[in-house]
Protein backbone atom coordinates (compact mmCIF):
# COMPACT_ATOMS: atom_id res chain seq x y z
CA MET A 1 39.82 -28.38 8.75
CA ASN A 2 36.11 -28.86 9.31
CA ARG A 3 33.74 -30.10 6.65
CA SER A 4 36.44 -29.93 3.93
CA ILE A 5 37.46 -26.86 1.99
CA ARG A 6 34.47 -26.51 -0.24
CA LEU A 7 35.89 -25.06 -3.48
CA ALA A 8 33.30 -22.47 -4.17
CA THR A 9 34.01 -21.19 -0.67
CA SER A 10 37.69 -21.11 0.07
CA ALA A 11 39.04 -21.09 -3.44
CA LEU A 12 38.22 -17.48 -3.88
CA THR A 13 40.57 -16.41 -1.13
CA ALA A 14 43.20 -16.58 -3.86
CA CYS A 15 41.22 -14.01 -5.82
CA ALA A 16 40.52 -11.76 -2.84
CA ALA A 17 36.95 -10.72 -2.09
CA LEU A 18 35.10 -10.73 -5.36
CA LEU A 19 32.57 -8.02 -6.16
CA LEU A 20 29.95 -8.74 -8.77
CA THR A 21 29.79 -5.62 -10.88
CA ALA A 22 27.08 -7.07 -13.08
CA CYS A 23 24.48 -7.19 -10.31
CA GLY A 24 25.95 -4.73 -7.84
CA GLY A 25 26.32 -7.37 -5.15
CA SER A 26 29.23 -8.37 -2.99
CA GLY A 27 30.26 -11.24 -0.79
CA ASP A 28 32.55 -11.94 2.11
CA ASP A 29 35.05 -14.67 1.32
CA LYS A 30 35.86 -16.76 4.36
CA ASP A 31 38.19 -19.73 4.07
CA ASN A 32 36.60 -21.67 6.91
CA GLY A 33 36.62 -25.10 5.37
CA LYS A 34 32.89 -25.68 4.92
CA ILE A 35 31.39 -27.96 2.34
CA ALA A 36 27.82 -28.26 1.30
CA GLY A 37 25.06 -30.33 2.85
CA ALA A 38 21.30 -30.63 2.68
CA ASP A 39 17.81 -30.24 4.06
CA THR A 40 16.71 -27.29 6.08
CA GLY A 41 13.03 -27.97 6.35
CA ARG A 42 12.00 -25.62 3.59
CA LYS A 43 10.99 -28.06 0.87
CA LYS A 44 10.60 -27.15 -2.76
CA SER A 45 10.63 -29.28 -5.84
CA ALA A 46 14.19 -30.38 -6.47
CA SER A 47 15.51 -30.72 -9.99
CA PRO A 48 18.16 -33.32 -10.82
CA SER A 49 21.43 -31.97 -12.09
CA PRO A 50 21.31 -31.67 -15.88
CA SER A 51 23.08 -34.61 -17.49
CA ALA A 52 22.64 -34.15 -21.22
CA ALA A 53 22.14 -30.88 -23.03
CA THR A 54 19.82 -30.58 -26.01
CA ASP A 55 21.47 -27.42 -27.32
CA GLY A 56 24.05 -29.19 -29.48
CA ILE A 57 27.00 -28.15 -27.32
CA ASP A 58 29.70 -30.81 -26.92
CA ARG A 59 30.01 -30.84 -23.15
CA PRO A 60 32.48 -32.76 -20.99
CA GLU A 61 31.07 -35.59 -18.90
CA ILE A 62 30.80 -34.90 -15.17
CA LYS A 63 30.40 -37.75 -12.71
CA LEU A 64 30.07 -37.54 -8.94
CA PRO A 65 30.70 -40.56 -6.71
CA ALA A 66 27.77 -42.26 -5.00
CA ASP A 67 28.54 -40.68 -1.62
CA MET A 68 28.62 -37.11 -2.99
CA LYS A 69 25.30 -35.57 -3.96
CA ASN A 70 24.22 -32.07 -4.98
CA VAL A 71 20.50 -31.29 -5.02
CA PHE A 72 19.33 -28.22 -6.92
CA GLU A 73 15.90 -26.74 -6.32
CA GLY A 74 13.96 -24.58 -8.76
CA GLY A 75 15.71 -25.54 -11.98
CA GLU A 76 12.71 -24.85 -14.20
CA THR A 77 11.67 -21.20 -14.47
CA ARG A 78 9.65 -21.60 -17.70
CA ASP A 79 12.13 -19.20 -19.27
CA ALA A 80 14.51 -20.95 -21.67
CA VAL A 81 17.36 -18.49 -21.15
CA LYS A 82 17.15 -18.57 -17.35
CA ASP A 83 16.90 -22.36 -17.34
CA ALA A 84 20.05 -22.60 -19.49
CA ILE A 85 21.91 -20.26 -17.12
CA LEU A 86 20.86 -22.28 -14.07
CA ALA A 87 21.84 -25.53 -15.79
CA ASP A 88 25.37 -24.32 -16.56
CA ASN A 89 25.69 -22.95 -13.03
CA GLU A 90 24.85 -26.44 -11.73
CA ARG A 91 27.37 -28.02 -14.04
CA ARG A 92 30.07 -25.67 -12.76
CA ILE A 93 29.34 -26.66 -9.17
CA ASN A 94 29.39 -30.34 -10.05
CA ALA A 95 32.60 -29.94 -12.06
CA VAL A 96 34.43 -28.58 -9.03
CA ASP A 97 33.16 -31.39 -6.80
CA ALA A 98 34.01 -34.04 -9.37
CA ALA A 99 37.59 -32.74 -9.45
CA LEU A 100 37.79 -33.00 -5.66
CA ALA A 101 36.41 -36.52 -5.66
CA SER A 102 38.66 -37.82 -8.44
CA GLY A 103 41.76 -35.85 -7.58
CA ASP A 104 42.09 -35.02 -11.27
CA LEU A 105 42.19 -31.31 -12.00
CA LYS A 106 43.77 -31.66 -15.45
CA HIS A 107 40.81 -33.53 -16.93
CA SER A 108 38.10 -31.74 -14.97
CA ALA A 109 35.35 -29.63 -16.53
CA ILE A 110 36.13 -26.60 -14.37
CA ALA A 111 37.67 -24.62 -17.21
CA PHE A 112 34.67 -25.40 -19.42
CA TYR A 113 32.24 -23.70 -17.03
CA THR A 114 34.36 -20.93 -15.51
CA THR A 115 36.41 -18.03 -16.81
CA ASP A 116 38.31 -14.94 -15.66
CA ARG A 117 38.69 -14.51 -11.87
CA ALA A 118 36.40 -17.42 -11.03
CA LEU A 119 38.55 -19.79 -13.09
CA MET A 120 41.71 -18.57 -11.41
CA GLY A 121 40.27 -18.93 -7.92
CA LEU A 122 38.52 -22.27 -8.35
CA SER A 123 41.49 -23.85 -10.13
CA GLU A 124 43.86 -22.77 -7.37
CA TYR A 125 41.46 -23.99 -4.72
CA ALA A 126 41.05 -27.37 -6.40
CA LYS A 127 44.80 -27.71 -6.76
CA ARG A 128 45.33 -27.09 -3.04
CA ALA A 129 42.50 -29.43 -2.01
CA ILE A 130 43.66 -32.24 -4.26
CA GLY A 131 47.22 -31.81 -2.99
CA LYS A 132 45.94 -32.37 0.56
CA ASN A 133 43.63 -35.25 -0.46
CA ILE A 134 40.62 -33.27 0.75
CA SER A 135 37.19 -34.20 -0.52
CA TRP A 136 33.73 -34.46 1.02
CA THR A 137 30.81 -36.81 1.48
CA GLY A 138 27.12 -36.20 2.01
CA THR A 139 24.49 -34.03 0.34
CA THR A 140 24.41 -30.36 -0.57
CA ARG A 141 21.12 -28.58 -1.13
CA TYR A 142 21.02 -25.46 -3.29
CA PHE A 143 17.86 -23.39 -2.99
CA ASP A 144 16.32 -19.95 -3.48
CA ARG A 145 18.08 -19.70 -6.83
CA GLN A 146 17.42 -16.47 -8.67
CA VAL A 147 18.53 -15.41 -12.16
CA THR A 148 18.84 -11.83 -13.43
CA VAL A 149 19.52 -11.44 -17.15
CA PHE A 150 21.28 -8.24 -18.18
CA SER A 151 21.89 -8.92 -21.86
CA LYS A 152 22.27 -11.76 -24.35
CA THR A 153 25.67 -12.59 -22.85
CA SER A 154 25.54 -11.33 -19.26
CA ALA A 155 23.59 -12.49 -16.22
CA ALA A 156 23.80 -13.05 -12.47
CA VAL A 157 22.75 -16.02 -10.35
CA THR A 158 22.23 -15.84 -6.60
CA TYR A 159 21.45 -18.82 -4.42
CA CYS A 160 21.71 -20.36 -0.98
CA ALA A 161 23.57 -23.52 -0.03
CA ASP A 162 22.66 -25.75 2.90
CA GLU A 163 25.81 -27.51 4.08
CA SER A 164 24.31 -29.14 7.16
CA ARG A 165 24.53 -32.73 5.98
CA SER A 166 28.02 -33.21 4.62
CA ASN A 167 31.40 -33.88 6.11
CA SER A 168 35.07 -33.77 5.29
CA LYS A 169 36.56 -36.87 3.70
CA ASP A 170 40.15 -37.91 3.08
CA ARG A 171 40.26 -38.94 -0.56
CA LYS A 172 43.06 -41.46 -0.02
CA THR A 173 41.97 -43.12 3.24
CA ASN A 174 38.20 -42.49 2.95
CA LYS A 175 38.22 -41.33 6.57
CA VAL A 176 35.24 -39.07 7.29
CA THR A 177 35.44 -36.21 9.79
CA LYS A 178 32.00 -35.18 11.05
CA VAL A 179 31.28 -31.51 11.67
CA LYS A 180 28.64 -29.95 13.87
CA THR A 181 26.00 -27.92 12.07
CA SER A 182 26.02 -24.20 12.83
CA PRO A 183 24.71 -20.97 11.25
CA ASP A 184 27.83 -21.03 9.08
CA SER A 185 26.49 -24.19 7.43
CA TYR A 186 24.25 -21.91 5.35
CA VAL A 187 25.82 -19.77 2.63
CA TYR A 188 24.57 -17.12 0.22
CA TYR A 189 26.31 -17.04 -3.16
CA ASN A 190 26.38 -14.26 -5.73
CA THR A 191 27.75 -15.16 -9.16
CA ALA A 192 28.32 -13.27 -12.39
CA MET A 193 27.74 -15.29 -15.56
CA THR A 194 28.86 -14.65 -19.13
CA LYS A 195 27.90 -16.52 -22.29
CA ASN A 196 30.88 -17.49 -24.43
CA LYS A 197 31.05 -17.89 -28.21
CA ASP A 198 30.12 -21.58 -27.93
CA GLY A 199 26.91 -20.80 -26.07
CA VAL A 200 28.10 -21.93 -22.63
CA TRP A 201 27.14 -19.78 -19.65
CA GLN A 202 30.38 -19.57 -17.67
CA THR A 203 30.85 -18.29 -14.12
CA ARG A 204 33.25 -15.35 -14.33
CA ASP A 205 33.00 -14.02 -10.77
CA LEU A 206 31.83 -15.47 -7.48
CA SER A 207 31.38 -14.26 -3.92
CA GLU A 208 29.83 -15.67 -0.75
CA ASP A 209 28.28 -14.64 2.54
CA ARG A 210 28.69 -17.50 4.98
CA GLY A 211 26.16 -17.55 7.77
CA ALA A 212 23.84 -15.27 5.82
CA GLN A 213 20.55 -14.72 7.65
CA ARG A 214 18.53 -15.05 4.45
CA CYS A 215 19.65 -18.67 4.05
CA GLN A 216 19.08 -19.84 7.63
CA PRO A 217 16.40 -22.52 8.29
């Protein structure tokens, strides 16, 4: 399985192809074992993943190992609502990766940042990956992130992922399997977000278009 089974990618096979009714978009789920990487050549200011919230929400701690890095570009839109949505989207991505790295789904933050079909798909994906000791190493770059707000509790986030600088890793043996970069290393994601009663923006639906032209370098 090349480049590991990146959760946000293959997990959703369990949910079938997800259509985002909130923003009218759709994605093509392909369980091809990719995980995220970094650097296409299009450089923008990168924002570190949010570590501590100032909104008073009691959030679970999320830690990634030193050899696993996610870089998020464009995290500050100068709009407080959009910035909060992007921040929780980042935390959801990191929560999934932290579960892969630790092999601990039970104590992961996945359920804190996902709900509905996305929770079902990502949890099943993580369970399968952990059972096979599959993780990843390297850097993932997320870019061209766009937020559309529909209401006080509904929004959509679209973004590209550059998976060109990461590889599959066996969590038990630490053996790394290198994968050649191809057009499929670049993925377009379309996510539906909903704000719960605690003020957390959760991912409720997720689809992807692997090899999307709009995300190519």
